Protein backbone atom coordinates (compact mmCIF):
# COMPACT_ATOMS: atom_id res chain seq x y z
CA MET A 1 -75.63 -107.10 -153.51
CA GLU A 2 -75.41 -108.18 -150.04
CA VAL A 3 -71.82 -109.13 -150.09
CA GLU A 4 -70.88 -105.98 -151.59
CA VAL A 5 -73.03 -103.90 -149.25
CA MET A 6 -71.38 -105.77 -146.31
CA LYS A 7 -68.06 -105.23 -147.66
CA ALA A 8 -68.70 -101.58 -147.87
CA VAL A 9 -69.99 -101.14 -144.55
CA ALA A 10 -67.16 -103.03 -142.93
CA GLU A 11 -64.51 -100.93 -144.94
CA ALA A 12 -66.33 -97.75 -143.56
CA GLY A 13 -65.26 -99.01 -139.99
CA PHE A 14 -68.71 -100.64 -139.16
CA ASP A 15 -67.01 -104.16 -139.09
CA ASP A 16 -68.99 -105.34 -135.98
CA LEU A 17 -72.08 -105.64 -137.81
CA THR A 18 -73.35 -109.14 -138.96
CA VAL A 19 -75.29 -110.15 -142.03
CA ALA A 20 -78.04 -111.33 -139.47
CA GLN A 21 -78.12 -108.10 -137.70
CA GLY A 22 -78.09 -106.10 -140.98
CA ARG A 23 -80.97 -108.19 -142.20
CA LEU A 24 -82.93 -107.37 -139.13
CA ALA A 25 -82.04 -103.62 -139.06
CA ALA A 26 -83.17 -103.25 -142.78
CA ARG A 27 -86.67 -103.82 -141.66
CA ILE A 28 -86.74 -100.95 -139.03
CA GLY A 29 -89.23 -98.49 -140.20
CA PRO A 30 -88.30 -94.69 -140.23
CA ASP A 31 -90.65 -94.05 -137.12
CA GLY A 32 -89.35 -97.28 -135.37
CA THR A 33 -90.72 -100.87 -135.39
CA ARG A 34 -91.89 -103.23 -132.45
CA LEU A 35 -89.79 -106.05 -131.72
CA THR A 36 -92.50 -108.46 -132.32
CA ASP A 37 -93.16 -106.89 -135.76
CA LEU A 38 -89.30 -107.31 -136.77
CA ALA A 39 -89.48 -110.77 -135.84
CA GLU A 40 -92.51 -111.49 -137.95
CA GLN A 41 -91.07 -109.67 -140.98
CA ALA A 42 -87.83 -111.40 -140.66
CA GLN A 43 -89.49 -114.74 -140.05
CA VAL A 44 -87.42 -115.32 -136.87
CA THR A 45 -88.38 -116.16 -133.40
CA LYS A 46 -89.06 -113.24 -130.90
CA GLN A 47 -86.13 -114.48 -128.96
CA THR A 48 -83.83 -114.49 -132.10
CA ALA A 49 -84.95 -110.81 -132.85
CA GLY A 50 -84.53 -109.84 -129.29
CA PHE A 51 -81.03 -111.31 -129.14
CA LEU A 52 -80.15 -109.41 -132.41
CA VAL A 53 -81.51 -106.18 -131.27
CA ASP A 54 -79.60 -106.50 -127.95
CA GLN A 55 -76.35 -106.82 -129.84
CA LEU A 56 -77.37 -103.93 -132.17
CA GLU A 57 -78.28 -101.75 -129.10
CA ARG A 58 -75.03 -102.42 -127.30
CA ALA A 59 -73.04 -101.62 -130.42
CA GLY A 60 -74.98 -98.26 -130.80
CA TYR A 61 -76.94 -98.87 -133.88
CA VAL A 62 -80.37 -98.84 -132.59
CA THR A 63 -82.37 -97.51 -129.54
CA ARG A 64 -85.50 -98.69 -127.78
CA THR A 65 -88.08 -96.01 -126.90
CA PRO A 66 -91.59 -96.17 -125.77
CA ASP A 67 -94.17 -96.84 -128.31
CA PRO A 68 -96.38 -93.55 -127.96
CA SER A 69 -99.42 -95.69 -129.26
CA ASP A 70 -99.05 -98.17 -126.42
CA ALA A 71 -97.28 -97.54 -123.06
CA ARG A 72 -96.56 -101.26 -122.70
CA ALA A 73 -94.80 -101.50 -126.11
CA ARG A 74 -91.33 -100.36 -127.03
CA LEU A 75 -90.06 -99.21 -130.58
CA VAL A 76 -86.75 -100.24 -132.09
CA ARG A 77 -85.26 -97.15 -133.77
CA MET A 78 -82.28 -96.52 -135.63
CA ALA A 79 -79.68 -94.52 -133.73
CA PRO A 80 -77.22 -91.95 -135.18
CA ARG A 81 -74.44 -94.77 -135.74
CA GLY A 82 -77.20 -97.00 -137.54
CA GLU A 83 -78.14 -94.17 -139.80
CA ALA A 84 -74.57 -93.72 -140.71
CA VAL A 85 -74.58 -97.28 -141.81
CA VAL A 86 -77.71 -97.04 -143.95
CA VAL A 87 -76.06 -94.02 -145.87
CA VAL A 88 -72.95 -96.40 -146.60
CA ALA A 89 -75.21 -99.35 -147.48
CA ARG A 90 -77.28 -97.17 -149.95
CA GLU A 91 -74.17 -95.88 -151.43
CA ALA A 92 -73.02 -99.43 -152.00
CA GLU A 93 -76.31 -100.44 -153.39
CA ALA A 94 -76.15 -97.54 -156.03
CA ARG A 95 -72.81 -98.67 -157.12
CA VAL A 96 -73.74 -102.17 -157.60
CA GLU A 97 -76.97 -101.28 -159.38
CA ALA A 98 -74.68 -98.80 -161.74
CA GLU A 99 -72.20 -101.77 -162.51
CA TRP A 100 -75.21 -104.23 -163.34
CA THR A 101 -76.85 -101.37 -165.51
CA ARG A 102 -73.36 -100.85 -167.38
CA HIS A 103 -73.38 -104.73 -167.90
CA LEU A 104 -77.04 -105.25 -168.70
CA GLY A 105 -77.90 -101.98 -170.17
CA LYS A 106 -80.97 -99.84 -168.97
CA ARG A 107 -83.70 -101.64 -170.37
CA ALA A 108 -82.65 -104.97 -169.13
CA THR A 109 -81.97 -103.62 -165.61
CA ALA A 110 -85.22 -101.99 -165.53
CA GLN A 111 -86.89 -105.33 -166.48
CA LEU A 112 -84.87 -107.19 -163.64
CA ARG A 113 -85.97 -104.61 -160.87
CA SER A 114 -89.46 -104.99 -162.12
CA ALA A 115 -89.21 -108.88 -162.13
CA LEU A 116 -87.56 -108.85 -158.58
CA THR A 117 -90.06 -106.41 -157.22
CA SER A 118 -92.89 -108.70 -158.53
CA LEU A 119 -91.31 -111.69 -156.89
CA ARG A 120 -90.68 -109.85 -153.69
CA GLU A 121 -94.34 -109.26 -153.54
CA ILE A 122 -94.87 -112.85 -153.03
CA THR A 123 -91.91 -113.79 -150.99
CA ASP A 124 -91.98 -111.10 -148.57
CA PRO A 125 -95.31 -109.43 -147.83
CA TYR A 126 -93.64 -107.05 -145.45
CA ALA A 127 -91.46 -105.17 -148.25
């Protein structure tokens, strides 16, 4: 899935986005997410998360804004360019899932989704 999504993203003109950046950006919530929370969720150091966010910000994928709940903190939010990548990524995910459904059938695909969701609950508490 990740390979196909990254391929689609690159083909859509977002060829400067790396897998590491994409994995971190995927954890940005709709109202923004603090850098410390991104680091914790991605299981990377705050320095690594900061480095990736710096790259994403320079490339125009994200912005940093003041956190309305804490004047000392900042939120990482998707910029319009980042939102455009999300659209491409979601379309690629849908194409891959449709291919899997054609191969496995609806019932097996539903079982696969359920099993993966259950596994994610124990492997990624932030999902």
